[in-house]
């Protein structure tokens, strides 16, 4: 079961101090329960109910409105003369005059309708029964002087209001104060003056009331000493561990703070850089606007228009000027190479002349030989196809002259005879 602040859990070592404060009130109530039927109203985890049964109660009934708390009580604080049940304090599931003693520790401040609680208690309490009820002092002291309100406390009451509330239900009411010294101290307010002279009585932290419609026995104060208060070493060890954890957390907090400071410083530098960039950007934008205006003004000027017109000519001149060094270089190269070219040309002419002197006689000789030597005559083609056997007719025109006819006719006849082909010669 986890501690939330609503109910005390005895198993928590860090809550031992608070546990003994609560337990002391149950020890005081145990003096009234021998052979009695007792109701522990708002029993929580059940440690008080167990103590009442152990102190000699004939039956100790523990009730609480929390299922978890009752399950915890049944598993940890079971006793043969006790039982636990889930119930509402404002609607108790018991008949009238059911209990000899009712114990109600730190329940009143959890309820808004406190009078209804006391009315229900008075109903189930026997006429001569006793109620022991406690509540915290709203003005209880703290080490720091400040107290955080308990979120589970609906309404805490001052001493006078507490007394008047109880007196409206019971004829006899006596209230004890409770505080811590070397142990847990319970004392009656009437003893406060005497105690303050000898023991310097502290400011009460709780009020414990004993109420009844019958006469009350003598109520005496008491002091409870627990081994918890003697075993300071365990508490110191626990505090030491807590201090070490706090120291570790403190170091981590310092590191985180340093990291945060570095990041904040870095963020500030970034912010300054952003501001500077924005200023620079604004400056550039302003200059761009000025340049644009100046450009528009220049474009509209006569000089700009004249420049645009002569710009092509200037580009042509510039290209010519750029080509001029290359032209000069070519001229220089030509001037340097000209003597070598002339020498080469002269040599070429000399070589040509010498070649001509040696080649011309040979050429002329070949020409002469070609003119003098008889040319081979080509072999005449056969005038007639020897394959023909049906005879041929040869027509010789005479307009070339008789001399030519007389010269060629014999040769023709001779050739025809060799062919053995039938033929006829016709001169026209």
Protein backbone atom coordinates (compact mmCIF):
# COMPACT_ATOMS: atom_id res chain seq x y z
CA UNK A 1 0.00 0.00 0.00
CA UNK A 2 1.43 3.36 -1.02
CA UNK A 3 1.58 6.33 1.35
CA UNK A 4 -0.44 9.27 -0.04
CA UNK A 5 -0.76 11.43 3.07
CA UNK A 6 -4.36 10.40 3.78
CA UNK A 7 -3.57 7.35 5.93
CA UNK A 8 -0.52 6.40 7.95
CA UNK A 9 1.40 3.28 6.86
CA UNK A 10 3.52 1.87 9.74
CA UNK A 11 5.88 -0.03 7.42
CA UNK A 12 7.41 3.17 6.08
CA UNK A 13 10.67 3.78 7.99
CA UNK A 14 10.60 7.48 7.21
CA UNK A 15 7.14 7.69 8.87
CA UNK A 16 8.16 6.14 12.20
CA UNK A 17 8.03 9.49 13.96
CA UNK A 18 4.48 10.07 12.75
CA UNK A 19 3.54 6.46 13.51
CA UNK A 20 4.52 6.74 17.18
CA UNK A 21 2.51 9.94 17.50
CA UNK A 22 -0.57 8.02 16.33
CA UNK A 23 0.32 4.87 18.23
CA UNK A 24 0.64 6.79 21.54
CA UNK A 25 -3.01 7.83 21.29
CA UNK A 26 -4.07 4.20 20.78
CA UNK A 27 -1.96 3.18 23.79
CA UNK A 28 -3.80 5.76 25.86
CA UNK A 29 -7.18 4.53 24.54
CA UNK A 30 -6.17 0.94 25.36
CA UNK A 31 -6.50 1.81 29.07
CA UNK A 32 -10.32 2.03 28.61
CA UNK A 33 -11.08 -1.11 26.52
CA UNK A 34 -10.54 -4.15 28.74
CA UNK A 35 -13.44 -6.59 28.29
CA UNK A 36 -15.27 -3.98 26.19
CA UNK A 37 -16.82 -4.03 22.72
CA UNK A 38 -14.82 -1.39 20.87
CA UNK A 39 -15.32 0.39 17.53
CA UNK A 40 -12.21 1.82 15.84
CA UNK A 41 -13.88 4.34 13.50
CA UNK A 42 -11.54 5.24 10.63
CA UNK A 43 -9.11 2.44 11.44
CA UNK A 44 -6.97 2.96 8.32
CA UNK A 45 -4.35 0.20 8.06
CA UNK A 46 -5.60 -1.49 11.26
CA UNK A 47 -2.57 -1.16 13.56
CA UNK A 48 -4.67 0.66 16.20
CA UNK A 49 -7.48 -1.91 16.08
CA UNK A 50 -4.93 -4.66 16.64
CA UNK A 51 -3.53 -2.83 19.69
CA UNK A 52 -7.03 -2.41 21.17
CA UNK A 53 -7.73 -6.13 20.75
CA UNK A 54 -4.32 -7.00 22.18
CA UNK A 55 -5.03 -4.74 25.20
CA UNK A 56 -7.96 -6.96 26.26
CA UNK A 57 -11.00 -5.75 24.30
CA UNK A 58 -13.68 -8.40 24.10
CA UNK A 59 -14.17 -7.42 20.44
CA UNK A 60 -12.45 -4.72 18.40
CA UNK A 61 -14.22 -3.69 15.17
CA UNK A 62 -12.23 -1.63 12.66
CA UNK A 63 -14.06 0.21 9.85
CA UNK A 64 -12.79 2.45 7.04
CA UNK A 65 -14.22 3.69 3.75
CA UNK A 66 -11.20 2.41 1.77
CA UNK A 67 -11.26 -1.14 0.35
CA UNK A 68 -7.48 -1.04 -0.04
CA UNK A 69 -6.94 -0.05 3.60
CA UNK A 70 -9.24 -2.80 4.88
CA UNK A 71 -7.50 -5.43 2.72
CA UNK A 72 -4.17 -4.24 4.09
CA UNK A 73 -5.50 -4.41 7.68
CA UNK A 74 -6.85 -7.94 7.20
CA UNK A 75 -3.50 -9.13 5.79
CA UNK A 76 -1.20 -7.39 8.32
CA UNK A 77 -3.16 -6.84 11.57
CA UNK A 78 -5.54 -9.78 11.94
CA UNK A 79 -6.42 -10.69 15.55
CA UNK A 80 -8.69 -13.39 16.96
CA UNK A 81 -10.76 -10.74 18.77
CA UNK A 82 -11.06 -8.28 15.89
CA UNK A 83 -12.50 -7.97 12.44
CA UNK A 84 -12.44 -5.29 9.72
CA UNK A 85 -15.14 -3.98 7.41
CA UNK A 86 -15.68 -1.25 4.82
CA UNK A 87 -18.26 1.29 6.03
CA UNK A 88 -19.26 4.96 5.85
CA UNK A 89 -18.65 6.92 9.07
CA UNK A 90 -21.81 8.97 8.48
CA UNK A 91 -23.98 5.86 8.00
CA UNK A 92 -22.68 3.25 10.43
CA UNK A 93 -24.09 -0.27 9.79
CA UNK A 94 -24.72 -0.92 13.52
CA UNK A 95 -27.69 -0.70 15.78
CA UNK A 96 -28.15 1.83 18.58
CA UNK A 97 -26.13 1.33 21.77
CA UNK A 98 -23.81 -1.24 20.14
CA UNK A 99 -20.40 -0.27 21.58
CA UNK A 100 -18.90 0.33 24.99
CA UNK A 101 -15.99 2.36 23.64
CA UNK A 102 -15.54 4.19 20.33
CA UNK A 103 -12.10 5.33 19.20
CA UNK A 104 -12.03 7.95 16.42
CA UNK A 105 -8.49 9.16 15.65
CA UNK A 106 -7.90 11.88 13.00
CA UNK A 107 -11.25 11.46 11.23
CA UNK A 108 -13.07 14.65 12.20
CA UNK A 109 -10.89 16.95 10.03
CA UNK A 110 -11.58 14.81 6.92
CA UNK A 111 -15.32 15.59 6.98
CA UNK A 112 -17.28 18.73 6.28
CA UNK A 113 -20.37 17.66 8.26
CA UNK A 114 -18.59 17.05 11.55
CA UNK A 115 -21.75 17.29 13.64
CA UNK A 116 -23.32 14.44 11.63
CA UNK A 117 -20.30 12.28 12.51
CA UNK A 118 -20.69 12.97 16.24
CA UNK A 119 -24.42 12.35 16.02
CA UNK A 120 -23.86 8.93 14.44
CA UNK A 121 -21.21 8.11 17.07
CA UNK A 122 -23.62 9.07 19.86
CA UNK A 123 -26.27 6.79 18.33
CA UNK A 124 -24.18 3.58 18.33
CA UNK A 125 -22.41 4.36 21.66
CA UNK A 126 -24.00 2.99 24.82
CA UNK A 127 -25.35 5.47 27.36
CA UNK A 128 -22.42 4.95 29.71
CA UNK A 129 -19.96 4.44 26.87
CA UNK A 130 -16.79 6.43 26.30
CA UNK A 131 -15.61 8.21 23.12
CA UNK A 132 -11.93 8.94 22.56
CA UNK A 133 -11.54 11.31 19.61
CA UNK A 134 -8.50 13.26 18.36
CA UNK A 135 -7.82 15.98 15.80
CA UNK A 136 -4.71 18.03 14.86
CA UNK A 137 -4.14 21.51 16.22
CA UNK A 138 -4.46 23.98 13.28
CA UNK A 139 -1.77 26.09 14.96
CA UNK A 140 0.66 23.23 15.58
CA UNK A 141 4.30 24.35 15.36
CA UNK A 142 6.76 23.34 12.64
CA UNK A 143 10.52 23.52 12.35
CA UNK A 144 10.39 25.98 9.44
CA UNK A 145 7.51 27.97 10.89
CA UNK A 146 5.40 27.29 7.78
CA UNK A 147 3.01 24.41 7.24
CA UNK A 148 1.69 23.17 3.94
CA UNK A 149 -2.01 22.34 4.17
CA UNK A 150 -2.94 18.67 4.04
CA UNK A 151 -5.06 18.21 0.89
CA UNK A 152 -7.08 15.47 2.63
CA UNK A 153 -8.09 17.70 5.55
CA UNK A 154 -11.41 19.35 4.75
CA UNK A 155 -11.68 21.45 7.92
CA UNK A 156 -9.44 21.63 10.96
CA UNK A 157 -10.96 23.10 14.15
CA UNK A 158 -9.54 25.28 16.90
CA UNK A 159 -9.55 24.08 20.52
CA UNK A 160 -12.66 26.04 21.58
CA UNK A 161 -14.64 24.94 18.54
CA UNK A 162 -13.57 21.36 19.17
CA UNK A 163 -14.72 21.57 22.81
CA UNK A 164 -18.07 23.20 21.90
CA UNK A 165 -18.75 20.63 19.19
CA UNK A 166 -18.21 17.73 21.60
CA UNK A 167 -20.14 19.42 24.42
CA UNK A 168 -23.17 19.67 22.14
CA UNK A 169 -23.34 15.85 22.08
CA UNK A 170 -21.87 14.70 25.41
CA UNK A 171 -22.32 15.86 29.00
CA UNK A 172 -18.75 15.34 30.07
CA UNK A 173 -15.76 16.31 27.92
CA UNK A 174 -12.11 16.37 28.93
CA UNK A 175 -9.35 17.32 26.48
CA UNK A 176 -5.68 16.36 26.60
CA UNK A 177 -2.86 18.01 24.69
CA UNK A 178 -0.27 15.98 22.83
CA UNK A 179 3.26 16.96 21.76
CA UNK A 180 6.72 15.46 21.28
CA UNK A 181 9.60 15.89 23.67
CA UNK A 182 12.04 13.06 24.39
CA UNK A 183 8.93 10.89 23.92
CA UNK A 184 5.23 11.42 23.28
CA UNK A 185 3.68 13.59 26.00
CA UNK A 186 -0.03 13.73 26.81
CA UNK A 187 -1.16 16.23 29.41
CA UNK A 188 -4.30 17.97 30.68
CA UNK A 189 -4.59 21.76 30.15
CA UNK A 190 -5.11 22.19 33.91
CA UNK A 191 -1.64 20.75 34.37
CA UNK A 192 -0.09 23.14 31.84
CA UNK A 193 0.72 25.93 34.31
CA UNK A 194 2.42 23.52 36.70
CA UNK A 195 4.18 21.68 33.88
CA UNK A 196 5.39 24.85 32.26
CA UNK A 197 7.22 25.77 35.46
CA UNK A 198 9.17 22.50 35.50
CA UNK A 199 9.20 21.05 31.99
CA UNK A 200 8.54 24.04 29.76
CA UNK A 201 5.41 22.52 28.17
CA UNK A 202 5.44 22.80 24.37
CA UNK A 203 2.70 24.02 22.06
CA UNK A 204 0.24 21.09 21.54
CA UNK A 205 0.27 19.36 18.17
CA UNK A 206 -2.94 17.33 18.69
CA UNK A 207 -6.08 17.45 20.83
CA UNK A 208 -7.31 14.17 22.37
CA UNK A 209 -10.80 14.32 23.91
CA UNK A 210 -12.45 11.78 26.27
CA UNK A 211 -16.25 12.13 26.15
CA UNK A 212 -19.21 10.42 27.81
CA UNK A 213 -22.75 11.02 28.96
CA UNK A 214 -21.78 9.29 32.22
CA UNK A 215 -19.20 10.26 34.76
CA UNK A 216 -15.62 10.05 33.53
CA UNK A 217 -12.81 8.47 35.52
CA UNK A 218 -9.88 10.59 36.55
CA UNK A 219 -7.95 11.66 33.47
CA UNK A 220 -4.21 11.80 33.94
CA UNK A 221 -1.42 12.79 31.61
CA UNK A 222 1.40 10.46 30.64
CA UNK A 223 4.68 10.17 28.74
CA UNK A 224 5.44 7.38 26.25
CA UNK A 225 9.00 6.42 25.36
CA UNK A 226 9.60 4.27 22.28
CA UNK A 227 12.65 2.45 21.01
CA UNK A 228 12.31 4.65 17.97
CA UNK A 229 13.47 7.62 19.99
CA UNK A 230 16.39 5.65 21.43
CA UNK A 231 17.49 4.31 18.06
CA UNK A 232 18.55 7.64 16.69
CA UNK A 233 21.30 6.01 14.63
CA UNK A 234 18.82 4.54 12.15
CA UNK A 235 17.20 7.91 11.71
CA UNK A 236 20.56 9.59 11.30
CA UNK A 237 21.55 6.99 8.73
CA UNK A 238 18.31 7.57 6.90
CA UNK A 239 18.89 11.33 7.03
CA UNK A 240 22.45 10.81 5.85
CA UNK A 241 21.22 8.90 2.82
CA UNK A 242 18.70 11.63 2.17
CA UNK A 243 21.45 14.24 2.46
CA UNK A 244 23.63 12.31 0.01
CA UNK A 245 20.77 12.08 -2.43
CA UNK A 246 20.10 15.78 -1.99
CA UNK A 247 23.80 16.51 -2.53
CA UNK A 248 23.79 14.46 -5.73
CA UNK A 249 20.68 16.21 -6.88
CA UNK A 250 22.26 19.54 -5.94
CA UNK A 251 25.30 18.74 -8.10
CA UNK A 252 23.04 17.73 -10.96
CA UNK A 253 21.05 20.91 -10.48
CA UNK A 254 24.27 22.96 -10.60
CA UNK A 255 25.35 21.16 -13.77
CA UNK A 256 21.94 21.69 -15.31
CA UNK A 257 21.99 25.34 -14.29
CA UNK A 258 25.42 25.74 -15.86
CA UNK A 259 24.19 24.01 -19.00
CA UNK A 260 21.12 26.23 -19.03
CA UNK A 261 23.28 29.33 -18.55
CA UNK A 262 25.53 28.29 -21.44
CA UNK A 263 22.52 27.69 -23.64
CA UNK A 264 21.00 31.00 -22.59
CA UNK A 265 24.28 32.75 -23.37
CA UNK A 266 24.45 30.96 -26.72
CA UNK A 267 20.84 31.95 -27.41
CA UNK A 268 21.68 35.57 -26.57
CA UNK A 269 24.63 35.51 -28.95
CA UNK A 270 22.41 34.03 -31.63
CA UNK A 271 19.83 36.70 -30.97
CA UNK A 272 22.49 39.42 -31.31
CA UNK A 273 23.70 37.81 -34.53
CA UNK A 274 20.14 37.72 -35.85
CA UNK A 275 19.69 41.39 -34.97
CA UNK A 276 22.96 42.25 -36.74
CA UNK A 277 21.93 40.23 -39.80
CA UNK A 278 18.59 41.97 -39.86
CA UNK A 279 20.29 45.36 -39.71
CA UNK A 280 22.70 44.35 -42.47
CA UNK A 281 19.81 43.01 -44.55
CA UNK A 282 17.90 46.25 -44.05
CA UNK A 283 21.02 48.22 -45.04
CA UNK A 284 21.44 46.15 -48.21
CA UNK A 285 17.77 46.53 -49.04
CA UNK A 286 18.05 50.30 -48.61
CA UNK A 287 21.14 50.40 -50.83
CA UNK A 288 19.38 48.23 -53.41
CA UNK A 289 16.48 50.66 -53.47
CA UNK A 290 18.90 53.60 -53.89
CA UNK A 291 20.80 51.79 -56.64
CA UNK A 292 17.56 51.00 -58.42
CA UNK A 293 16.48 54.62 -58.26
CA UNK A 294 19.90 55.77 -59.50
CA UNK A 295 19.77 53.21 -62.29
CA UNK A 296 16.34 54.43 -63.37
CA UNK A 297 17.61 58.01 -63.30
CA UNK A 298 20.68 57.10 -65.37
CA UNK A 299 18.56 55.17 -67.87
CA UNK A 300 16.40 58.22 -68.41
CA UNK A 301 19.45 60.48 -69.02
CA UNK A 302 20.72 61.57 -72.51
CA UNK A 303 24.18 60.20 -71.77
CA UNK A 304 22.80 56.72 -71.11
CA UNK A 305 20.82 56.69 -74.35
CA UNK A 306 23.88 57.93 -76.29
CA UNK A 307 25.97 55.24 -74.62
CA UNK A 308 23.49 52.56 -75.70
CA UNK A 309 23.72 53.77 -79.30
CA UNK A 310 27.51 53.86 -79.54
CA UNK A 311 27.91 50.67 -77.47
CA UNK A 312 27.89 48.36 -80.57
CA UNK A 313 30.61 50.50 -82.22
CA UNK A 314 32.64 50.48 -79.04
CA UNK A 315 32.32 46.69 -78.86
CA UNK A 316 33.51 46.38 -82.48
CA UNK A 317 36.48 48.65 -81.78
CA UNK A 318 37.20 46.65 -78.64
CA UNK A 319 37.14 43.40 -80.60
CA UNK A 320 39.48 44.95 -83.16
CA UNK A 321 41.78 46.14 -80.44
CA UNK A 322 41.70 42.70 -78.87
CA UNK A 323 42.63 41.18 -82.28
CA UNK A 324 45.38 43.76 -82.92
CA UNK A 325 48.01 42.02 -80.75
CA UNK A 326 47.47 38.79 -82.65
CA UNK A 327 47.77 40.60 -85.99
CA UNK A 328 50.97 42.29 -84.87
CA UNK A 329 52.28 38.93 -83.73
CA UNK A 330 51.50 37.39 -87.10
CA UNK A 331 53.26 40.27 -88.87
CA UNK A 332 56.28 39.85 -86.63
CA UNK A 333 56.30 36.11 -87.25
CA UNK A 334 56.01 36.73 -91.00
CA UNK A 335 58.82 39.28 -90.90
CA UNK A 336 60.99 36.86 -89.01
CA UNK A 337 60.10 33.95 -91.30
CA UNK A 338 60.42 35.92 -94.61
CA UNK A 339 64.21 35.53 -95.03
CA UNK A 340 63.96 31.82 -94.49
CA UNK A 341 61.11 31.66 -97.01
CA UNK A 342 63.15 33.55 -99.63
CA UNK A 343 66.13 31.27 -99.15
CA UNK A 344 63.89 28.26 -99.48
CA UNK A 345 62.29 29.69 -102.61
CA UNK A 346 65.70 30.34 -104.21
CA UNK A 347 66.84 26.83 -103.33
CA UNK A 348 63.65 25.44 -104.80
CA UNK A 349 64.26 27.37 -108.03
CA UNK A 350 67.85 26.15 -108.20
CA UNK A 351 66.78 22.58 -107.61
CA UNK A 352 64.14 22.96 -110.31
CA UNK A 353 66.69 24.41 -112.74
CA UNK A 354 69.20 21.68 -112.09
CA UNK A 355 66.52 19.09 -112.45
CA UNK A 356 65.47 20.65 -115.72
CA UNK A 357 69.04 20.72 -117.00
CA UNK A 358 69.44 17.04 -116.35
CA UNK A 359 65.90 16.00 -117.25
CA UNK A 360 65.34 18.01 -120.42
CA UNK A 361 67.88 16.10 -122.57
CA UNK A 362 66.37 12.84 -121.49
CA UNK A 363 62.90 14.18 -122.18
CA UNK A 364 63.89 15.47 -125.55
CA UNK A 365 65.54 12.11 -126.35
CA UNK A 366 62.39 10.21 -125.48
CA UNK A 367 60.35 12.60 -127.59
CA UNK A 368 62.72 12.18 -130.50
CA UNK A 369 62.73 8.43 -130.28
CA UNK A 370 59.00 8.46 -130.19
CA UNK A 371 58.78 10.53 -133.34
CA UNK A 372 61.41 8.54 -135.29
CA UNK A 373 60.53 4.97 -134.35
CA UNK A 374 57.68 3.39 -136.40
CA UNK A 375 54.54 2.89 -134.53
CA UNK A 376 53.19 -0.68 -134.42
CA UNK A 377 50.06 -1.03 -136.46
CA UNK A 378 47.15 -2.64 -134.82
CA UNK A 379 46.10 -6.04 -136.13
CA UNK A 380 43.04 -5.59 -138.30
CA UNK A 381 39.90 -7.16 -137.19
CA UNK A 382 38.37 -9.75 -139.52
CA UNK A 383 35.96 -8.12 -141.84
CA UNK A 384 33.68 -11.07 -141.89
CA UNK A 385 32.46 -13.42 -139.29
CA UNK A 386 33.83 -16.86 -140.20
CA UNK A 387 30.88 -18.44 -138.60
CA UNK A 388 28.58 -17.30 -141.36
CA UNK A 389 28.01 -19.91 -144.19
CA UNK A 390 25.11 -18.48 -146.14
CA UNK A 391 27.22 -15.92 -148.01
CA UNK A 392 27.75 -12.17 -147.78
CA UNK A 393 27.55 -9.11 -150.01
CA UNK A 394 30.32 -6.48 -149.78
CA UNK A 395 29.45 -3.02 -151.05
CA UNK A 396 32.38 -0.67 -151.86
CA UNK A 397 31.50 2.96 -152.62
CA UNK A 398 33.69 4.39 -155.34
CA UNK A 399 33.54 8.05 -154.36
CA UNK A 400 36.91 7.70 -152.55
CA UNK A 401 38.64 7.41 -155.88
CA UNK A 402 39.87 4.72 -158.16
CA UNK A 403 43.35 4.75 -156.69
CA UNK A 404 42.10 3.78 -153.30
CA UNK A 405 39.83 1.14 -154.80
CA UNK A 406 42.64 -0.31 -156.84
CA UNK A 407 44.83 -0.35 -153.75
CA UNK A 408 42.39 -2.04 -151.40
CA UNK A 409 40.45 -4.37 -153.66
CA UNK A 410 43.18 -7.02 -154.11
CA UNK A 411 43.77 -7.25 -150.41
CA UNK A 412 40.04 -7.62 -149.85
CA UNK A 413 39.76 -10.45 -152.30
CA UNK A 414 42.68 -12.22 -150.75
CA UNK A 415 41.14 -11.98 -147.33
CA UNK A 416 37.81 -13.26 -148.57
CA UNK A 417 39.40 -16.25 -150.13
CA UNK A 418 40.87 -17.26 -146.84
CA UNK A 419 37.46 -17.32 -145.23
CA UNK A 420 35.93 -19.73 -147.70
CA UNK A 421 32.71 -17.86 -147.45
CA UNK A 422 30.48 -17.29 -150.40
CA UNK A 423 30.64 -13.64 -151.25
CA UNK A 424 30.03 -10.99 -153.79
CA UNK A 425 31.70 -7.60 -154.21
CA UNK A 426 29.63 -4.70 -155.40
CA UNK A 427 31.32 -1.41 -156.39
CA UNK A 428 28.99 1.54 -156.61
